Protein backbone atom coordinates (compact mmCIF):
# COMPACT_ATOMS: atom_id res chain seq x y z
CA MET A 1 12.79 -18.21 7.83
CA THR A 2 9.64 -16.23 7.01
CA SER A 3 7.95 -17.17 10.31
CA PHE A 4 11.08 -16.16 12.16
CA LEU A 5 11.11 -12.71 10.52
CA ARG A 6 7.44 -12.23 11.26
CA SER A 7 7.99 -13.10 14.88
CA LEU A 8 10.42 -10.24 15.27
CA SER A 9 9.33 -6.76 16.22
CA ALA A 10 9.59 -3.88 13.74
CA GLU A 11 12.65 -2.57 15.59
CA GLN A 12 14.35 -6.03 15.53
CA GLN A 13 13.59 -6.39 11.78
CA VAL A 14 15.18 -3.04 11.00
CA SER A 15 18.20 -4.01 13.16
CA LEU A 16 18.55 -7.25 11.19
CA VAL A 17 18.45 -5.40 7.89
CA PHE A 18 21.30 -3.15 9.10
CA VAL A 19 23.35 -6.23 10.03
CA VAL A 20 22.83 -7.62 6.59
CA LEU A 21 23.54 -4.25 4.92
CA PHE A 22 26.86 -3.75 6.72
CA GLY A 23 27.76 -7.36 6.01
CA LEU A 24 27.25 -6.83 2.30
CA LEU A 25 29.29 -3.66 2.43
CA VAL A 26 32.17 -5.54 4.11
CA LEU A 27 32.04 -8.15 1.37
CA ALA A 28 31.97 -5.52 -1.37
CA SER A 29 34.92 -3.71 0.35
CA GLY A 30 36.88 -6.99 0.23
CA VAL A 31 36.25 -7.31 -3.48
CA ALA A 32 37.46 -3.68 -4.01
CA LEU A 33 40.59 -4.43 -2.03
CA LEU A 34 41.37 -7.56 -4.15
CA LEU A 35 40.83 -5.65 -7.35
CA SER A 36 43.05 -2.83 -6.17
CA LEU A 37 45.85 -5.30 -5.18
CA ARG A 38 45.62 -6.94 -8.62
CA GLU A 39 45.82 -3.62 -10.38
CA ARG A 40 48.88 -2.57 -8.43
CA LYS A 41 50.71 -5.74 -9.50
CA LYS A 42 50.41 -4.90 -13.18
CA ALA A 43 53.43 -3.27 -14.67
CA ASP A 44 51.34 -1.26 -17.15
CA PRO A 45 47.84 -0.70 -15.88
CA VAL A 46 45.11 0.31 -18.33
CA PRO A 47 44.15 3.93 -17.67
CA ASP A 48 40.38 3.36 -18.28
CA ARG A 49 40.37 0.32 -16.02
CA HIS A 50 42.14 2.24 -13.30
CA GLN A 51 39.59 5.02 -13.55
CA ARG A 52 36.73 2.50 -13.32
CA LEU A 53 38.33 1.02 -10.23
CA GLN A 54 38.43 4.47 -8.69
CA ASP A 55 34.78 4.99 -9.59
CA TYR A 56 33.82 1.69 -8.02
CA GLN A 57 35.76 2.59 -4.81
CA ALA A 58 34.06 5.96 -4.72
CA LEU A 59 30.64 4.30 -5.07
CA LEU A 60 31.56 1.93 -2.19
CA ARG A 61 32.55 4.84 0.01
CA ASN A 62 29.22 6.45 -0.93
CA SER A 63 27.39 3.28 0.19
CA TRP A 64 29.18 3.22 3.51
CA LEU A 65 28.42 6.88 4.17
CA MET A 66 24.73 6.55 3.35
CA ALA A 67 24.38 3.38 5.38
CA LEU A 68 25.94 5.14 8.41
CA VAL A 69 23.75 8.24 7.88
CA PHE A 70 20.62 6.10 7.71
CA TRP A 71 21.62 4.11 10.74
CA VAL A 72 22.18 7.23 12.82
CA GLY A 73 18.87 8.68 11.53
CA TRP A 74 16.90 5.51 12.38
CA ALA A 75 18.56 5.08 15.79
CA ALA A 76 17.92 8.71 16.78
CA GLY A 77 14.27 8.91 15.53
CA ASP A 78 12.35 10.60 12.73
CA GLY A 79 12.96 14.15 14.00
CA VAL A 80 16.72 13.76 14.21
CA ALA A 81 16.67 12.08 10.75
CA ILE A 82 14.95 15.09 9.22
CA VAL A 83 17.44 17.49 10.83
CA LEU A 84 20.36 15.29 9.76
CA PHE A 85 19.25 15.25 6.11
CA GLY A 86 18.64 18.99 6.34
CA PHE A 87 22.36 19.41 7.17
CA VAL A 88 23.32 17.07 4.29
CA SER A 89 21.25 19.32 1.94
CA PHE A 90 22.97 22.39 3.29
CA PHE A 91 26.40 20.97 2.68
CA ILE A 92 25.79 19.62 -0.78
CA LEU A 93 24.07 22.80 -1.89
CA ARG A 94 27.03 24.73 -0.59
CA GLU A 95 29.36 22.39 -2.50
CA PHE A 96 27.32 22.85 -5.64
CA ILE A 97 27.09 26.62 -5.50
CA SER A 98 30.77 27.09 -4.62
CA LEU A 99 31.75 25.60 -7.93
CA SER A 100 29.27 27.79 -9.82
CA PRO A 101 30.32 31.44 -10.37
CA THR A 102 28.18 33.93 -8.46
CA ARG A 103 28.08 37.71 -8.45
CA ARG A 104 27.23 40.37 -5.85
CA GLY A 105 23.64 40.51 -7.22
CA ASP A 106 23.20 36.86 -6.24
CA HIS A 107 23.68 37.38 -2.50
CA ARG A 108 19.98 37.90 -1.75
CA SER A 109 19.08 34.81 -3.71
CA LEU A 110 21.70 32.75 -1.94
CA VAL A 111 20.46 33.88 1.50
CA LEU A 112 16.89 32.94 0.35
CA ALA A 113 18.07 29.51 -0.79
CA PHE A 114 20.14 28.52 2.26
CA PHE A 115 18.33 30.19 5.16
CA ILE A 116 14.67 30.34 4.04
CA VAL A 117 13.99 27.83 1.33
CA LEU A 118 15.97 24.92 2.77
CA PRO A 119 14.57 25.15 6.38
CA LEU A 120 11.02 25.66 5.09
CA GLN A 121 11.25 22.63 2.84
CA TYR A 122 12.34 20.38 5.76
CA ALA A 123 9.74 22.06 8.05
CA LEU A 124 7.06 20.95 5.53
CA VAL A 125 8.44 17.42 5.73
CA TRP A 126 8.45 17.54 9.55
CA ASN A 127 4.76 18.56 9.57
CA ARG A 128 3.79 16.02 6.87
CA GLU A 129 2.54 18.74 4.54
CA PHE A 130 3.25 16.56 1.57
CA ASN A 131 1.00 18.39 -0.89
CA LEU A 132 2.66 21.77 -0.24
CA PHE A 133 6.06 20.08 0.16
CA THR A 134 5.70 18.66 -3.39
CA VAL A 135 5.12 22.06 -5.13
CA PHE A 136 6.90 24.51 -2.79
CA ILE A 137 10.23 24.45 -4.67
CA PRO A 138 9.17 23.65 -8.23
CA VAL A 139 6.51 26.30 -8.30
CA TYR A 140 6.93 29.06 -5.63
CA VAL A 141 10.70 29.00 -5.20
CA PHE A 142 11.37 28.78 -8.97
CA LEU A 143 9.35 31.95 -9.38
CA ALA A 144 10.73 33.77 -6.36
CA ILE A 145 14.48 33.20 -7.06
CA PRO A 146 14.64 35.30 -10.29
CA VAL A 147 12.45 38.01 -8.72
CA VAL A 148 14.89 38.35 -5.85
CA SER A 149 17.85 38.28 -8.25
CA ALA A 150 16.31 41.02 -10.40
CA LEU A 151 16.04 43.17 -7.28
CA GLY A 152 19.84 42.79 -7.00
CA ASN A 153 20.16 45.08 -10.06
CA ASP A 154 22.70 42.93 -11.94
CA PRO A 155 21.57 41.78 -15.41
CA GLN A 156 24.85 40.31 -16.50
CA ARG A 157 24.42 36.57 -17.29
CA PHE A 158 21.13 36.77 -15.41
CA LEU A 159 19.45 33.72 -16.93
CA GLU A 160 22.58 31.48 -16.44
CA ARG A 161 23.11 32.47 -12.85
CA ASN A 162 19.53 31.92 -11.86
CA ALA A 163 19.33 28.59 -13.73
CA LYS A 164 22.39 27.29 -11.83
CA LEU A 165 20.90 28.31 -8.49
CA GLN A 166 17.51 26.84 -9.30
CA TRP A 167 19.10 23.61 -10.43
CA GLY A 168 21.18 23.41 -7.31
CA ILE A 169 18.11 23.90 -5.07
CA MET A 170 16.13 21.36 -7.07
CA VAL A 171 18.82 18.61 -6.76
CA CYS A 172 20.28 19.33 -3.35
CA VAL A 173 17.24 20.45 -1.35
CA TYR A 174 14.12 19.13 -3.15
CA GLY A 175 15.61 15.78 -4.16
CA MET A 176 17.32 15.04 -0.85
CA SER A 177 14.31 16.13 1.27
CA HIS A 178 12.33 13.21 -0.10
CA VAL A 179 14.50 10.68 1.67
CA PRO A 180 13.34 11.54 5.27
CA ALA A 181 9.87 12.12 3.87
CA LEU A 182 9.63 8.39 3.18
CA LEU A 183 9.96 7.75 6.89
CA LEU A 184 6.74 9.71 7.55
CA LEU A 185 4.40 8.06 5.03
CA ASN A 186 1.35 6.48 6.72
CA PHE A 187 0.85 2.99 5.42
CA PRO A 188 -2.02 0.75 6.58
CA ARG A 189 -0.62 -2.22 8.51
CA PHE A 190 2.93 -0.95 8.04
CA ALA A 191 3.35 1.27 11.09
CA GLY A 192 6.88 1.53 12.47
CA LYS A 193 8.42 -0.06 9.35
CA THR A 194 8.73 2.85 6.98
CA ALA A 195 12.52 2.72 7.52
CA PHE A 196 12.38 -0.32 5.24
CA LEU A 197 11.34 1.94 2.34
CA VAL A 198 14.49 3.94 2.80
CA PHE A 199 16.65 0.79 2.91
CA PHE A 200 14.87 -0.52 -0.11
CA LEU A 201 15.57 2.68 -2.04
CA VAL A 202 19.25 2.89 -1.07
CA LEU A 203 19.97 -0.78 -1.51
CA VAL A 204 18.51 -1.12 -5.00
CA VAL A 205 19.99 2.13 -6.26
CA GLN A 206 23.47 1.46 -4.89
CA THR A 207 23.35 -2.12 -6.13
CA CYS A 208 22.43 -0.87 -9.58
CA MET A 209 25.34 1.59 -9.55
CA LEU A 210 27.87 -0.95 -8.27
CA VAL A 211 26.87 -3.63 -10.75
CA GLN A 212 26.89 -1.05 -13.59
CA HIS A 213 30.46 -0.11 -12.79
CA VAL A 214 31.60 -3.69 -12.32
CA VAL A 215 30.17 -4.81 -15.67
CA ALA A 216 31.51 -1.74 -17.44
CA TRP A 217 34.97 -2.88 -16.19
CA ARG A 218 34.91 -5.58 -18.86
CA LEU A 219 33.32 -3.56 -21.63
CA ASN A 220 34.55 -0.57 -23.59
CA ARG A 221 31.49 0.89 -25.33
CA PRO A 222 30.60 4.08 -23.43
CA VAL A 223 27.51 5.90 -24.63
CA ALA A 224 28.91 9.32 -23.74
CA PRO A 225 32.70 8.89 -23.39
CA ALA A 226 33.27 12.61 -22.80
CA ILE A 227 31.04 12.36 -19.71
CA SER A 228 31.29 8.83 -18.34
CA GLN A 229 33.27 5.67 -19.24
CA SER A 230 31.03 3.54 -17.02
CA PHE A 231 27.70 4.37 -18.58
CA GLN A 232 27.17 1.76 -21.28
CA TRP A 233 23.92 0.34 -22.44
CA ARG A 234 24.86 -3.24 -21.46
CA SER A 235 26.28 -2.29 -18.14
CA TRP A 236 23.29 -0.02 -17.44
CA GLY A 237 20.90 -2.84 -18.29
CA ALA A 238 22.84 -5.19 -16.04
CA GLY A 239 22.59 -2.64 -13.20
CA LEU A 240 18.86 -2.22 -13.68
CA LEU A 241 18.40 -6.00 -13.74
CA ALA A 242 20.40 -6.43 -10.54
CA GLY A 243 18.58 -3.63 -8.78
CA GLY A 244 15.20 -4.84 -9.96
CA LEU A 245 15.79 -8.43 -8.87
CA LEU A 246 17.06 -7.32 -5.51
CA GLY A 247 13.90 -5.15 -5.14
CA ALA A 248 11.66 -8.16 -5.90
CA ALA A 249 13.65 -10.25 -3.39
CA LEU A 250 13.12 -7.55 -0.73
CA ALA A 251 9.37 -7.32 -1.29
CA GLY A 252 8.69 -9.00 2.02
CA LEU A 253 10.24 -6.11 3.84
CA THR A 254 8.09 -3.54 2.12
CA PRO A 255 4.36 -2.95 1.62
CA PHE A 256 4.83 -4.09 -2.02
CA LYS A 257 4.09 -7.40 -3.55
CA PRO A 258 6.97 -8.92 -5.64
CA LEU A 259 5.93 -7.58 -9.04
CA PRO A 260 5.21 -4.00 -7.78
CA ALA A 261 8.47 -4.17 -5.83
CA LEU A 262 10.29 -5.00 -9.04
CA ALA A 263 8.64 -2.11 -10.80
CA MET A 264 9.48 0.29 -8.00
CA ALA A 265 13.08 -0.86 -7.92
CA LEU A 266 13.44 -0.42 -11.67
CA ILE A 267 11.96 3.11 -11.43
CA ALA A 268 14.35 4.10 -8.64
CA CYS A 269 17.39 2.54 -10.33
CA ALA A 270 16.69 4.20 -13.66
CA ALA A 271 16.19 7.62 -12.02
CA GLY A 272 19.28 7.24 -9.86
CA SER A 273 21.65 5.98 -12.58
CA LEU A 274 20.53 8.59 -15.14
CA GLY A 275 20.74 11.31 -12.48
CA HIS A 276 24.30 10.22 -11.74
CA LEU A 277 25.10 10.60 -15.40
CA VAL A 278 23.61 14.10 -15.47
CA MET A 279 25.70 15.11 -12.43
CA LYS A 280 28.83 13.78 -14.10
CA ALA A 281 27.99 16.03 -17.10
CA ILE A 282 27.76 19.02 -14.76
CA LYS A 283 31.10 18.12 -13.23
CA ARG A 284 32.76 17.86 -16.60
CA ASP A 285 31.28 21.27 -17.51
CA ARG A 286 32.90 22.69 -14.33
CA GLY A 287 36.23 21.02 -15.25
CA ILE A 288 36.35 18.71 -12.25
CA THR A 289 36.12 14.94 -11.72
CA HIS A 290 34.68 15.04 -8.17
CA TRP A 291 32.81 17.63 -6.22
CA GLY A 292 35.31 19.25 -3.91
CA SER A 293 38.23 17.58 -5.75
CA ALA A 294 41.74 18.91 -6.26
CA GLY A 295 41.87 20.60 -2.93
CA ARG A 296 38.79 22.66 -3.81
CA SER A 297 36.44 21.18 -1.25
CA VAL A 298 34.62 23.95 0.62
CA THR A 299 32.49 21.87 2.87
CA GLY A 300 35.14 19.74 4.56
CA THR A 301 33.20 16.64 3.39
CA SER A 302 35.48 15.90 0.41
CA GLY A 303 32.84 15.51 -2.27
CA LEU A 304 29.68 14.81 -0.28
CA LEU A 305 27.55 15.49 -3.38
CA ASP A 306 29.36 12.67 -5.18
CA ARG A 307 28.10 10.32 -2.51
CA VAL A 308 24.41 11.25 -2.75
CA ASP A 309 23.84 12.49 -6.33
CA ALA A 310 22.04 9.36 -7.54
CA LEU A 311 19.85 9.38 -4.41
CA CYS A 312 18.86 12.99 -5.01
CA PHE A 313 17.33 11.97 -8.35
CA ALA A 314 15.93 8.55 -7.27
CA ALA A 315 14.27 9.73 -4.00
CA PRO A 316 11.58 12.13 -5.39
CA VAL A 317 10.67 9.77 -8.24
CA PHE A 318 10.41 6.81 -5.86
CA PHE A 319 8.52 8.84 -3.20
CA HIS A 320 5.81 10.03 -5.55
CA SER A 321 5.46 6.65 -7.24
CA VAL A 322 4.86 5.15 -3.84
CA ARG A 323 2.29 7.85 -2.93
CA TRP A 324 0.41 7.45 -6.20
CA ASN A 325 0.45 3.66 -6.01
CA PHE A 326 -1.02 3.67 -2.46
CA ASN A 327 -3.05 6.86 -2.69
CA LEU A 328 -1.25 8.28 0.38
């Protein structure tokens, strides 16, 4: 089997990974359908279990969407992938900001965020300016946003308004921009195969999230019940274990050896699952269960941020861990 895989070209190897990925998604969708049918047959379904089923189905939809986005990005080339993820950032930032109160004094800051910061961040990715790309938002933009807001002459809830905008930019633009950046890393003896890094990241994180929700189905010990019923120490540990083992199994498709692949997978899974918990806390604070829920979707994407929130946290941590490990 190994000799067969090595005999394939880089493009054929990536195509094979997509075939396996979509096959696994079909299998997981079948499991979700069976669980849904069993739940409907019950005369008195348990509310918590029904909610967990909905969470599992939402995660499955997220996996399908991300798989399709990555397939389109890979098939069209690196440039189109960067533009595509730039649009994803635009829509999820718009979704985030639309559920956070803004005032007239924020208009300049919003224009700066959407039409200057976002394009510049992805332009830095396009030109492989990774050193500047790394600090552009956390340093320069974080200092510029409150300055521009102060020029709007509106001090009411100034700190809260700016913190929300900075947080939205950090998650929706900075975090998401690291996904296409993975495609542009220059690995020795790994040319043309950086798409495997993106697959690796997405597969281990989504596997972690799916296993966490499935295991939580049988348990009832949430760590923070007011925020999430599915985040439990045992289910979280099971998700990390599943994601880590999958990462080690996929080491042959990456520049990592099995043990470093296990470590990288655990890092990505921990960052993604904890980030998902944080985004749930923000949603509870806004009084919603899904971004764009209850007819409040402003992007037309019906909760796109729900589909990529874990990835927004996992991608930058994974990207910089890879760079530091390989001195790229």
